[in-house]
C-alpha atoms as a PDB file:
ATOM      1  CA  UNK A   1      -4.408 -17.612  13.783  1.00  0.00           C
ATOM      2  CA  UNK A   2      -1.524 -15.238  14.576  1.00  0.00           C
ATOM      3  CA  UNK A   3       0.946 -17.617  12.928  1.00  0.00           C
ATOM      4  CA  UNK A   4      -1.201 -17.728   9.787  1.00  0.00           C
ATOM      5  CA  UNK A   5      -1.470 -13.927   9.646  1.00  0.00           C
ATOM      6  CA  UNK A   6       2.257 -13.529  10.262  1.00  0.00           C
ATOM      7  CA  UNK A   7       3.059 -16.012   7.497  1.00  0.00           C
ATOM      8  CA  UNK A   8       0.741 -14.304   5.006  1.00  0.00           C
ATOM      9  CA  UNK A   9       2.169 -10.929   5.981  1.00  0.00           C
ATOM     10  CA  UNK A  10       5.752 -12.176   5.507  1.00  0.00           C
ATOM     11  CA  UNK A  11       4.822 -13.529   2.075  1.00  0.00           C
ATOM     12  CA  UNK A  12       3.453 -10.138   1.044  1.00  0.00           C
ATOM     13  CA  UNK A  13       6.530  -8.375   2.427  1.00  0.00           C
ATOM     14  CA  UNK A  14       8.729 -10.575   0.242  1.00  0.00           C
ATOM     15  CA  UNK A  15       6.541  -9.961  -2.821  1.00  0.00           C
ATOM     16  CA  UNK A  16       6.488  -6.205  -2.160  1.00  0.00           C
ATOM     17  CA  UNK A  17      10.259  -5.928  -1.760  1.00  0.00           C
ATOM     18  CA  UNK A  18      10.982  -8.052  -4.830  1.00  0.00           C
ATOM     19  CA  UNK A  19       8.432  -6.204  -6.952  1.00  0.00           C
ATOM     20  CA  UNK A  20       9.972  -2.910  -5.794  1.00  0.00           C
ATOM     21  CA  UNK A  21      13.164  -3.751  -7.642  1.00  0.00           C
ATOM     22  CA  UNK A  22      11.341  -4.309 -10.933  1.00  0.00           C
ATOM     23  CA  UNK A  23       7.987  -2.514 -11.059  1.00  0.00           C
ATOM     24  CA  UNK A  24       8.003   1.182 -10.184  1.00  0.00           C
ATOM     25  CA  UNK A  25       7.323   4.559 -11.729  1.00  0.00           C
ATOM     26  CA  UNK A  26       9.932   7.248 -10.961  1.00  0.00           C
ATOM     27  CA  UNK A  27       8.343  10.636 -10.271  1.00  0.00           C
ATOM     28  CA  UNK A  28      10.677  13.337  -8.997  1.00  0.00           C
ATOM     29  CA  UNK A  29      11.986  12.304  -5.581  1.00  0.00           C
ATOM     30  CA  UNK A  30       9.539   9.405  -5.294  1.00  0.00           C
ATOM     31  CA  UNK A  31       9.139   5.951  -6.776  1.00  0.00           C
ATOM     32  CA  UNK A  32       5.470   5.059  -7.237  1.00  0.00           C
ATOM     33  CA  UNK A  33       4.714   1.402  -6.541  1.00  0.00           C
ATOM     34  CA  UNK A  34       1.378   0.023  -7.809  1.00  0.00           C
ATOM     35  CA  UNK A  35       2.236  -3.438  -6.402  1.00  0.00           C
ATOM     36  CA  UNK A  36       2.588  -1.890  -2.935  1.00  0.00           C
ATOM     37  CA  UNK A  37      -0.936  -0.502  -3.161  1.00  0.00           C
ATOM     38  CA  UNK A  38      -2.369  -3.794  -4.342  1.00  0.00           C
ATOM     39  CA  UNK A  39      -0.707  -5.480  -1.363  1.00  0.00           C
ATOM     40  CA  UNK A  40      -2.087  -2.805   0.969  1.00  0.00           C
ATOM     41  CA  UNK A  41      -5.678  -3.487  -0.084  1.00  0.00           C
ATOM     42  CA  UNK A  42      -5.317  -7.272  -0.053  1.00  0.00           C
ATOM     43  CA  UNK A  43      -3.723  -7.185   3.416  1.00  0.00           C
ATOM     44  CA  UNK A  44      -6.374  -4.750   4.640  1.00  0.00           C
ATOM     45  CA  UNK A  45      -9.092  -7.205   3.632  1.00  0.00           C
ATOM     46  CA  UNK A  46      -7.373 -10.453   4.629  1.00  0.00           C
ATOM     47  CA  UNK A  47      -5.383  -9.413   7.708  1.00  0.00           C
ATOM     48  CA  UNK A  48      -6.877  -6.266   9.228  1.00  0.00           C
ATOM     49  CA  UNK A  49      -5.418  -2.890  10.199  1.00  0.00           C
ATOM     50  CA  UNK A  50      -2.470  -3.936  12.369  1.00  0.00           C
ATOM     51  CA  UNK A  51      -1.010  -6.445   9.939  1.00  0.00           C
ATOM     52  CA  UNK A  52      -1.762  -4.253   6.900  1.00  0.00           C
ATOM     53  CA  UNK A  53       0.181  -1.336   8.392  1.00  0.00           C
ATOM     54  CA  UNK A  54       3.026  -3.563   9.634  1.00  0.00           C
ATOM     55  CA  UNK A  55       3.291  -5.192   6.210  1.00  0.00           C
ATOM     56  CA  UNK A  56       3.427  -1.771   4.530  1.00  0.00           C
ATOM     57  CA  UNK A  57       6.093  -0.631   7.016  1.00  0.00           C
ATOM     58  CA  UNK A  58       8.230  -3.743   6.473  1.00  0.00           C
ATOM     59  CA  UNK A  59       8.057  -3.410   2.694  1.00  0.00           C
ATOM     60  CA  UNK A  60       9.043   0.260   2.901  1.00  0.00           C
ATOM     61  CA  UNK A  61      11.870  -0.524   5.310  1.00  0.00           C
ATOM     62  CA  UNK A  62      13.145  -3.403   3.192  1.00  0.00           C
ATOM     63  CA  UNK A  63      13.076  -1.330   0.020  1.00  0.00           C
ATOM     64  CA  UNK A  64      14.935   1.498   1.725  1.00  0.00           C
ATOM     65  CA  UNK A  65      17.568  -0.840   3.170  1.00  0.00           C
ATOM     66  CA  UNK A  66      18.132  -2.335  -0.285  1.00  0.00           C
ATOM     67  CA  UNK A  67      18.279   1.092  -1.930  1.00  0.00           C
ATOM     68  CA  UNK A  68      15.228   0.518  -4.122  1.00  0.00           C
ATOM     69  CA  UNK A  69      12.901   2.824  -2.210  1.00  0.00           C
ATOM     70  CA  UNK A  70      12.790   6.318  -0.767  1.00  0.00           C
ATOM     71  CA  UNK A  71      11.693   7.701   2.582  1.00  0.00           C
ATOM     72  CA  UNK A  72       8.455   8.721   0.882  1.00  0.00           C
ATOM     73  CA  UNK A  73       7.445   5.047   0.822  1.00  0.00           C
ATOM     74  CA  UNK A  74       6.600   5.177   4.526  1.00  0.00           C
ATOM     75  CA  UNK A  75       3.805   7.773   4.658  1.00  0.00           C
ATOM     76  CA  UNK A  76       2.186   6.756   1.385  1.00  0.00           C
ATOM     77  CA  UNK A  77       2.065   3.045   2.030  1.00  0.00           C
ATOM     78  CA  UNK A  78       1.288   3.091   5.742  1.00  0.00           C
ATOM     79  CA  UNK A  79      -1.451   5.718   5.658  1.00  0.00           C
ATOM     80  CA  UNK A  80      -3.063   4.022   2.648  1.00  0.00           C
ATOM     81  CA  UNK A  81      -2.921   0.582   4.288  1.00  0.00           C
ATOM     82  CA  UNK A  82      -4.353   1.942   7.530  1.00  0.00           C
ATOM     83  CA  UNK A  83      -7.256   3.791   5.934  1.00  0.00           C
ATOM     84  CA  UNK A  84      -8.018   0.879   3.612  1.00  0.00           C
ATOM     85  CA  UNK A  85      -8.111  -1.555   6.538  1.00  0.00           C
ATOM     86  CA  UNK A  86     -10.206   0.716   8.759  1.00  0.00           C
ATOM     87  CA  UNK A  87     -12.778   1.305   6.032  1.00  0.00           C
ATOM     88  CA  UNK A  88     -12.959  -2.436   5.325  1.00  0.00           C
ATOM     89  CA  UNK A  89     -13.145  -3.324   9.013  1.00  0.00           C
ATOM     90  CA  UNK A  90     -16.233  -1.182   9.543  1.00  0.00           C
ATOM     91  CA  UNK A  91     -17.990  -1.651   6.196  1.00  0.00           C
ATOM     92  CA  UNK A  92     -16.880  -5.148   5.033  1.00  0.00           C
ATOM     93  CA  UNK A  93     -16.904  -3.596   1.572  1.00  0.00           C
ATOM     94  CA  UNK A  94     -13.949  -4.362  -0.728  1.00  0.00           C
ATOM     95  CA  UNK A  95     -14.659  -1.318  -2.861  1.00  0.00           C
ATOM     96  CA  UNK A  96     -14.544   0.750   0.330  1.00  0.00           C
ATOM     97  CA  UNK A  97     -11.072  -0.665   1.000  1.00  0.00           C
ATOM     98  CA  UNK A  98     -10.032   0.475  -2.468  1.00  0.00           C
ATOM     99  CA  UNK A  99     -11.344   3.993  -1.805  1.00  0.00           C
ATOM    100  CA  UNK A 100      -9.542   4.035   1.563  1.00  0.00           C
ATOM    101  CA  UNK A 101      -6.245   3.084  -0.099  1.00  0.00           C
ATOM    102  CA  UNK A 102      -6.554   5.639  -2.883  1.00  0.00           C
ATOM    103  CA  UNK A 103      -7.543   8.482  -0.543  1.00  0.00           C
ATOM    104  CA  UNK A 104      -5.077   7.445   2.171  1.00  0.00           C
ATOM    105  CA  UNK A 105      -2.104   7.215  -0.182  1.00  0.00           C
ATOM    106  CA  UNK A 106      -3.133   9.494  -3.021  1.00  0.00           C
ATOM    107  CA  UNK A 107      -4.185  12.433  -0.896  1.00  0.00           C
ATOM    108  CA  UNK A 108      -3.153  12.086   2.760  1.00  0.00           C
ATOM    109  CA  UNK A 109       0.116  10.200   2.117  1.00  0.00           C
ATOM    110  CA  UNK A 110       1.036  12.631  -0.660  1.00  0.00           C
ATOM    111  CA  UNK A 111       0.487  15.625   1.620  1.00  0.00           C
ATOM    112  CA  UNK A 112       2.527  14.068   4.457  1.00  0.00           C
ATOM    113  CA  UNK A 113       5.312  13.291   1.946  1.00  0.00           C
ATOM    114  CA  UNK A 114       5.911  16.982   1.224  1.00  0.00           C
ATOM    115  CA  UNK A 115       7.545  17.903   4.560  1.00  0.00           C
ATOM    116  CA  UNK A 116       9.445  14.585   4.563  1.00  0.00           C
ATOM    117  CA  UNK A 117      10.832  15.352   1.110  1.00  0.00           C
ATOM    118  CA  UNK A 118      11.831  18.834   2.231  1.00  0.00           C
ATOM    119  CA  UNK A 119      13.208  18.147   5.715  1.00  0.00           C
ATOM    120  CA  UNK A 120      14.780  14.714   5.318  1.00  0.00           C
ATOM    121  CA  UNK A 121      15.607  14.533   1.625  1.00  0.00           C
ATOM    122  CA  UNK A 122      16.392  18.171   0.839  1.00  0.00           C
ATOM    123  CA  UNK A 123      13.849  18.303  -2.012  1.00  0.00           C
ATOM    124  CA  UNK A 124      11.607  21.342  -2.224  1.00  0.00           C
ATOM    125  CA  UNK A 125       8.362  20.681  -4.048  1.00  0.00           C
ATOM    126  CA  UNK A 126       5.020  22.395  -4.444  1.00  0.00           C
ATOM    127  CA  UNK A 127       2.123  21.771  -2.094  1.00  0.00           C
ATOM    128  CA  UNK A 128       0.378  19.258  -4.366  1.00  0.00           C
ATOM    129  CA  UNK A 129       3.440  17.841  -6.174  1.00  0.00           C
ATOM    130  CA  UNK A 130       2.998  14.247  -4.994  1.00  0.00           C
ATOM    131  CA  UNK A 131      -0.795  14.081  -5.148  1.00  0.00           C
ATOM    132  CA  UNK A 132      -1.135  13.149  -8.826  1.00  0.00           C
ATOM    133  CA  UNK A 133       1.597  10.460  -8.961  1.00  0.00           C
ATOM    134  CA  UNK A 134       0.625   8.959  -5.579  1.00  0.00           C
ATOM    135  CA  UNK A 135      -3.031   9.008  -6.577  1.00  0.00           C
ATOM    136  CA  UNK A 136      -2.337   7.393  -9.947  1.00  0.00           C
ATOM    137  CA  UNK A 137      -0.112   4.688  -8.444  1.00  0.00           C
ATOM    138  CA  UNK A 138      -2.524   3.885  -5.617  1.00  0.00           C
ATOM    139  CA  UNK A 139      -5.490   3.851  -7.987  1.00  0.00           C
ATOM    140  CA  UNK A 140      -3.808   1.383 -10.345  1.00  0.00           C
ATOM    141  CA  UNK A 141      -2.684  -0.906  -7.529  1.00  0.00           C
ATOM    142  CA  UNK A 142      -6.023  -0.739  -5.721  1.00  0.00           C
ATOM    143  CA  UNK A 143      -7.921  -1.671  -8.884  1.00  0.00           C
ATOM    144  CA  UNK A 144      -5.602  -4.659  -9.373  1.00  0.00           C
ATOM    145  CA  UNK A 145      -6.252  -5.703  -5.757  1.00  0.00           C
ATOM    146  CA  UNK A 146     -10.001  -5.350  -6.221  1.00  0.00           C
ATOM    147  CA  UNK A 147      -9.904  -7.604  -9.283  1.00  0.00           C
ATOM    148  CA  UNK A 148      -7.832 -10.182  -7.383  1.00  0.00           C
ATOM    149  CA  UNK A 149     -10.150 -10.079  -4.369  1.00  0.00           C
ATOM    150  CA  UNK A 150     -13.313 -10.350  -6.458  1.00  0.00           C
ATOM    151  CA  UNK A 151     -11.777 -13.202  -8.506  1.00  0.00           C
ATOM    152  CA  UNK A 152     -10.843 -15.096  -5.362  1.00  0.00           C
ATOM    153  CA  UNK A 153     -14.401 -14.593  -4.120  1.00  0.00           C
ATOM    154  CA  UNK A 154     -15.799 -16.096  -7.310  1.00  0.00           C
ATOM    155  CA  UNK A 155     -13.342 -19.001  -7.155  1.00  0.00           C
ATOM    156  CA  UNK A 156     -14.049 -19.386  -3.425  1.00  0.00           C
ATOM    157  CA  UNK A 157     -10.362 -19.184  -2.573  1.00  0.00           C
ATOM    158  CA  UNK A 158      -9.831 -18.729   1.128  1.00  0.00           C
ATOM    159  CA  UNK A 159     -13.434 -19.664   1.994  1.00  0.00           C
ATOM    160  CA  UNK A 160     -14.144 -22.477   4.387  1.00  0.00           C
ATOM    161  CA  UNK A 161     -16.199 -25.244   2.860  1.00  0.00           C
ATOM    162  CA  UNK A 162     -19.108 -26.527   4.861  1.00  0.00           C
END
């Protein structure tokens, strides 16, 4: 099972890094990534908290190493993935995972990004500067993930046949 989770995680890391070079919304010092948020929710549901957070970290690291991301990718993606996975783990509710991602990235990740932007990137911004763009990006990506997850449920993808 660990090999399967690792393989799925690696696939999502590759998708997240590649998508980061094409699909993003520049907002001030940040680059909002709806694909990242979709991946966070899907990994939260399919892989659980540990792999969801590690996948988010690896995507953020890869994007930063390639120059297509910023340091703000770390708090937004990792906090969102963690909260999404924790909510799903305890509720088994896909919509709950979506809410966890949006709140984790859009509110908590945005607030943690402010001191990172100031201390590590030399960008001074207002207290709620990142909340709207992070919220919007995470909302869009989480809705996409929800549609994918519900579609796969209807098509019975990933379900064991008896």
